[in-house]
Amino acid sequence: MPITGSVGRGGANVPADVAQVQELLNLRVGEMGVQPLPTNGVIDNATMAAIGRYQSLVLGGRSDGRVDPNGRTWTALADTQPTSLLRDRLRAQAALPRLSGAAWFNANEARFPNSDRVADLAPAFATQASSFIAALQRAGATVRVSATLRNRNRAWIMHYAWQVAHGAVQPGAVPANPEVDILWDHGDPTVSRRAAQAMVNLFHIAFKPSLTSNHIQGTAIDMTIGWDGPIDILDAAGQTHRIDQPRSGNTNADLHAVGATYGLLKLASDPPHWSANGR
């Protein structure tokens, strides 16, 4: 029997309609990763979340947690033919592992590694960085490179995890990335934000990640530089400079000036970070 009015978030929520939607959702809930719903005709957060989960996992669209008469969600839910139910269950099973959160992070994070190899930088900047590092080492400084090229898909994941977690982008509005199989929309805004925040925490993100950073372009390097006593280092023009205190590449302005001759500019606000443009 068709429902007489909308059911779910902002709907008319006639009890008989709500109960019918709850019964139809219960035919699929096991594969959607949610608990069976009481078929009491009372609209609640669990019912709205289950509607949204069905829309996201099975229908593959933005979830609004609402079923409208003759709408796409109702048409799909009302189809209880065995082949249709099997189709819905298989879609839900396939989509469930794609949901963002800690489980997705643990299963997929290693597929998007960053690099700490100077050779992976953009060719011109790699040459400049190699020359500066060689000059440092010849002078007796120690150099430890911690990051060079940032995986662009890793940066994309981190960027949108932050955006969804902070409510800057709705989960269903994240643009598709064919190289990253992730589903940000859990069918419930609170659950979606919580899952994104779990990924923010696991990535140890402290500030909003950029999609256009120098690391992504291969024109930045993070390195820790130190020395035990005064050193004499050659700049790119072959001039010798005595470098002493403070004995840290993070804070020594004299060393920053030498690095600039090689085309490596120091970003003072980010202790290990050097780049082609100082950002």
Protein backbone atom coordinates (compact mmCIF):
# COMPACT_ATOMS: atom_id res chain seq x y z
CA MET A 1 0.00 0.00 0.00
CA PRO A 2 1.45 3.42 -0.93
CA ILE A 3 2.26 5.83 1.85
CA THR A 4 -0.04 8.83 2.15
CA GLY A 5 2.62 11.37 3.07
CA SER A 6 6.34 11.85 3.50
CA VAL A 7 8.19 9.87 6.17
CA GLY A 8 11.40 10.90 7.88
CA ARG A 9 13.24 14.15 8.42
CA GLY A 10 10.76 17.03 8.05
CA GLY A 11 8.01 14.68 6.85
CA ALA A 12 4.32 14.36 7.69
CA ASN A 13 5.12 11.12 9.53
CA VAL A 14 1.67 9.58 9.69
CA PRO A 15 2.12 6.59 12.05
CA ALA A 16 0.81 4.02 9.57
CA ASP A 17 3.21 5.34 6.91
CA VAL A 18 6.14 5.36 9.32
CA ALA A 19 5.43 1.76 10.35
CA GLN A 20 5.33 0.69 6.72
CA VAL A 21 8.67 2.33 5.95
CA GLN A 22 10.16 0.74 9.07
CA GLU A 23 8.99 -2.70 7.94
CA LEU A 24 10.46 -2.21 4.48
CA LEU A 25 13.78 -0.98 5.87
CA ASN A 26 13.97 -4.01 8.15
CA LEU A 27 14.15 -6.20 5.06
CA ARG A 28 17.56 -4.62 4.34
CA VAL A 29 19.03 -3.43 7.65
CA GLY A 30 21.34 -6.39 8.21
CA GLU A 31 23.41 -5.59 5.14
CA MET A 32 23.39 -1.84 5.89
CA GLY A 33 25.11 -2.23 9.25
CA VAL A 34 22.23 -0.89 11.38
CA GLN A 35 19.96 -2.51 13.96
CA PRO A 36 16.39 -3.62 13.12
CA LEU A 37 13.84 -0.88 13.71
CA PRO A 38 10.79 -1.15 15.96
CA THR A 39 7.77 -1.11 13.65
CA ASN A 40 5.78 1.11 16.01
CA GLY A 41 5.01 3.96 13.63
CA VAL A 42 7.04 6.42 15.72
CA ILE A 43 9.55 8.47 13.77
CA ASP A 44 12.90 8.68 15.56
CA ASN A 45 16.56 9.27 14.86
CA ALA A 46 17.19 5.58 14.20
CA THR A 47 14.51 5.47 11.52
CA MET A 48 15.73 8.65 9.84
CA ALA A 49 19.31 7.38 9.96
CA ALA A 50 18.25 4.06 8.41
CA ILE A 51 16.46 5.91 5.60
CA GLY A 52 19.58 7.97 4.99
CA ARG A 53 21.80 4.89 5.10
CA TYR A 54 19.58 3.20 2.50
CA GLN A 55 19.77 6.25 0.26
CA SER A 56 23.55 6.45 0.55
CA LEU A 57 24.55 2.79 0.43
CA VAL A 58 21.86 1.29 -1.80
CA LEU A 59 20.65 4.15 -3.98
CA GLY A 60 24.04 5.81 -4.25
CA GLY A 61 22.77 9.36 -3.84
CA ARG A 62 22.80 12.15 -1.30
CA SER A 63 20.84 11.22 1.78
CA ASP A 64 18.15 13.41 3.28
CA GLY A 65 16.61 10.83 5.62
CA ARG A 66 13.20 11.23 4.04
CA VAL A 67 10.86 9.05 1.96
CA ASP A 68 8.37 10.90 -0.26
CA PRO A 69 5.32 9.30 -1.90
CA ASN A 70 6.20 8.27 -5.46
CA GLY A 71 9.78 9.44 -4.91
CA ARG A 72 12.87 7.45 -5.81
CA THR A 73 13.44 6.16 -2.28
CA TRP A 74 9.85 5.00 -1.89
CA THR A 75 9.81 3.33 -5.30
CA ALA A 76 12.94 1.35 -4.44
CA LEU A 77 11.85 0.46 -0.89
CA ALA A 78 8.40 -0.67 -2.01
CA ASP A 79 9.88 -3.12 -4.50
CA THR A 80 10.05 -6.31 -2.43
CA GLN A 81 10.52 -8.80 -5.21
CA PRO A 82 13.17 -11.37 -4.22
CA THR A 83 15.52 -10.23 -6.98
CA SER A 84 15.11 -6.59 -5.95
CA LEU A 85 15.79 -7.36 -2.29
CA LEU A 86 18.86 -9.35 -3.25
CA ARG A 87 20.08 -6.45 -5.40
CA ASP A 88 19.64 -4.03 -2.51
CA ARG A 89 21.44 -6.33 -0.08
CA LEU A 90 24.36 -6.84 -2.44
CA ARG A 91 24.68 -3.10 -3.02
CA ALA A 92 24.66 -2.44 0.71
CA GLN A 93 27.26 -5.16 1.35
CA ALA A 94 29.53 -3.72 -1.31
CA ALA A 95 29.14 -0.14 -0.09
CA LEU A 96 29.51 -0.75 3.65
CA PRO A 97 33.33 -1.14 3.63
CA ARG A 98 33.58 2.14 1.68
CA LEU A 99 32.16 4.18 4.56
CA SER A 100 34.63 6.69 5.99
CA GLY A 101 35.96 6.30 9.50
CA ALA A 102 38.56 4.39 11.48
CA ALA A 103 37.90 1.07 9.72
CA TRP A 104 38.35 2.68 6.30
CA PHE A 105 41.55 4.38 7.47
CA ASN A 106 43.04 1.15 8.81
CA ALA A 107 42.18 -0.74 5.62
CA ASN A 108 43.24 1.89 3.06
CA GLU A 109 45.63 4.49 4.47
CA ALA A 110 48.74 2.58 3.42
CA ARG A 111 47.63 2.72 -0.22
CA PHE A 112 48.36 6.46 -0.31
CA PRO A 113 51.91 6.90 1.05
CA ASN A 114 53.86 10.12 1.14
CA SER A 115 57.53 10.17 0.18
CA ASP A 116 60.68 11.20 2.00
CA ARG A 117 62.90 10.75 -1.07
CA VAL A 118 64.51 13.86 -2.52
CA ALA A 119 64.46 12.19 -5.94
CA ASP A 120 60.64 12.23 -5.87
CA LEU A 121 60.52 16.03 -5.82
CA ALA A 122 59.90 18.11 -8.94
CA PRO A 123 63.11 17.79 -11.01
CA ALA A 124 64.40 21.37 -10.70
CA PHE A 125 63.63 21.59 -6.99
CA ALA A 126 65.11 18.14 -6.40
CA THR A 127 68.38 19.35 -7.91
CA GLN A 128 68.37 22.47 -5.72
CA ALA A 129 67.55 20.49 -2.57
CA SER A 130 70.21 17.89 -3.31
CA SER A 131 72.83 20.62 -3.79
CA PHE A 132 71.94 22.33 -0.52
CA ILE A 133 71.92 19.04 1.41
CA ALA A 134 75.30 18.09 -0.08
CA ALA A 135 76.74 21.46 0.99
CA LEU A 136 75.39 20.96 4.51
CA GLN A 137 76.87 17.49 4.78
CA ARG A 138 80.24 18.57 3.43
CA ALA A 139 80.30 21.26 6.10
CA GLY A 140 79.67 18.66 8.81
CA ALA A 141 75.96 19.25 9.47
CA THR A 142 73.53 16.38 9.96
CA VAL A 143 70.42 16.36 7.78
CA ARG A 144 67.35 14.18 8.30
CA VAL A 145 64.67 14.44 5.60
CA SER A 146 61.19 13.58 6.92
CA ALA A 147 58.90 14.53 4.01
CA THR A 148 59.15 15.46 0.35
CA LEU A 149 56.38 14.66 -2.14
CA ARG A 150 52.90 14.40 -0.65
CA ASN A 151 50.54 11.89 -2.26
CA ARG A 152 47.81 14.00 -3.88
CA ASN A 153 45.11 11.46 -3.03
CA ARG A 154 46.25 11.34 0.58
CA ALA A 155 46.03 15.14 0.63
CA TRP A 156 42.52 14.92 -0.89
CA ILE A 157 41.40 12.45 1.79
CA MET A 158 42.85 14.57 4.59
CA HIS A 159 41.33 17.76 3.19
CA TYR A 160 37.80 16.39 2.99
CA ALA A 161 38.03 14.50 6.27
CA TRP A 162 38.71 17.88 7.89
CA GLN A 163 35.99 19.64 5.87
CA VAL A 164 33.30 17.06 6.68
CA ALA A 165 34.33 16.80 10.34
CA HIS A 166 34.04 20.58 10.75
CA GLY A 167 30.76 20.88 8.83
CA ALA A 168 32.33 22.96 6.06
CA VAL A 169 31.17 20.48 3.40
CA GLN A 170 28.14 18.22 3.59
CA PRO A 171 29.13 14.54 3.31
CA GLY A 172 27.06 13.99 0.18
CA ALA A 173 28.57 17.07 -1.48
CA VAL A 174 32.20 15.88 -1.45
CA PRO A 175 33.28 15.74 -5.10
CA ALA A 176 33.97 12.29 -6.48
CA ASN A 177 37.55 11.12 -6.75
CA PRO A 178 37.78 8.05 -9.01
CA GLU A 179 41.12 7.12 -7.43
CA VAL A 180 39.79 7.01 -3.85
CA ASP A 181 36.96 4.59 -3.11
CA ILE A 182 35.40 6.19 -0.04
CA LEU A 183 31.85 7.05 0.97
CA TRP A 184 31.60 10.06 3.28
CA ASP A 185 27.80 10.00 3.65
CA HIS A 186 26.71 7.55 6.35
CA GLY A 187 23.09 8.59 5.99
CA ASP A 188 23.13 10.63 9.19
CA PRO A 189 24.95 13.99 9.45
CA THR A 190 26.16 13.40 13.01
CA VAL A 191 27.49 9.94 12.25
CA SER A 192 29.18 11.21 9.07
CA ARG A 193 30.94 14.01 10.94
CA ARG A 194 31.99 11.64 13.72
CA ALA A 195 33.51 9.20 11.19
CA ALA A 196 35.37 12.02 9.44
CA GLN A 197 36.68 13.27 12.79
CA ALA A 198 38.01 9.79 13.54
CA MET A 199 40.06 10.03 10.35
CA VAL A 200 41.26 13.53 11.27
CA ASN A 201 42.49 12.10 14.56
CA LEU A 202 44.20 9.12 12.94
CA PHE A 203 45.96 11.35 10.42
CA HIS A 204 47.02 13.62 13.34
CA ILE A 205 45.74 16.68 11.46
CA ALA A 206 46.11 19.92 13.43
CA PHE A 207 45.30 22.47 10.71
CA LYS A 208 43.06 22.41 7.65
CA PRO A 209 44.96 20.48 4.95
CA SER A 210 45.46 22.16 1.61
CA LEU A 211 44.77 20.68 -1.81
CA THR A 212 47.42 22.89 -3.42
CA SER A 213 50.42 22.78 -1.09
CA ASN A 214 54.04 22.86 -2.24
CA HIS A 215 54.45 19.31 -0.96
CA ILE A 216 51.79 18.11 -3.42
CA GLN A 217 53.57 19.94 -6.25
CA GLY A 218 56.93 18.49 -5.24
CA THR A 219 58.41 21.88 -4.39
CA ALA A 220 58.79 21.53 -0.61
CA ILE A 221 60.92 19.49 1.74
CA ASP A 222 60.78 18.96 5.50
CA MET A 223 64.17 18.33 7.07
CA THR A 224 65.84 18.61 10.45
CA ILE A 225 69.32 20.14 10.30
CA GLY A 226 71.82 20.32 13.16
CA TRP A 227 75.55 20.74 13.88
CA ASP A 228 77.77 20.37 16.94
CA GLY A 229 80.08 23.32 16.43
CA PRO A 230 80.69 26.20 14.03
CA ILE A 231 80.57 25.10 10.40
CA ASP A 232 81.75 26.68 7.17
CA ILE A 233 79.29 26.16 4.34
CA LEU A 234 79.39 27.16 0.69
CA ASP A 235 76.41 28.96 -0.81
CA ALA A 236 75.27 28.31 -4.38
CA ALA A 237 77.72 30.92 -5.69
CA GLY A 238 80.67 29.29 -3.94
CA GLN A 239 81.00 31.83 -1.14
CA THR A 240 81.87 30.49 2.33
CA HIS A 241 79.70 31.35 5.34
CA ARG A 242 80.50 30.65 9.01
CA ILE A 243 77.37 29.31 10.72
CA ASP A 244 77.18 28.82 14.47
CA GLN A 245 74.40 29.52 16.99
CA PRO A 246 71.59 28.64 17.14
CA ARG A 247 72.64 25.20 15.91
CA SER A 248 69.33 24.31 14.32
CA GLY A 249 68.16 24.66 10.76
CA ASN A 250 64.74 25.58 12.10
CA THR A 251 65.82 28.88 13.62
CA ASN A 252 69.23 29.92 12.27
CA ALA A 253 68.64 32.93 10.02
CA ASP A 254 72.19 32.79 8.62
CA LEU A 255 71.59 29.26 7.38
CA HIS A 256 68.23 30.32 5.94
CA ALA A 257 70.05 32.93 3.88
CA VAL A 258 72.44 30.29 2.55
CA GLY A 259 69.52 27.99 1.71
CA ALA A 260 67.88 30.80 -0.24
CA THR A 261 70.88 30.93 -2.61
CA TYR A 262 70.05 27.34 -3.57
CA GLY A 263 66.38 28.20 -4.11
CA LEU A 264 65.17 26.76 -0.78
CA LEU A 265 63.24 29.32 1.23
CA LYS A 266 62.51 28.74 4.91
CA LEU A 267 58.97 28.96 6.29
CA ALA A 268 59.58 30.28 9.80
CA SER A 269 56.18 29.18 11.14
CA ASP A 270 56.79 25.53 10.20
CA PRO A 271 60.05 24.40 11.84
CA PRO A 272 61.31 21.77 9.34
CA HIS A 273 59.71 23.20 6.20
CA TRP A 274 61.63 24.61 3.20
CA SER A 275 60.09 25.31 -0.18
CA ALA A 276 60.51 26.99 -3.55
CA ASN A 277 58.42 30.01 -2.54
CA GLY A 278 58.66 30.12 1.26
CA ARG A 279 55.13 28.83 1.78
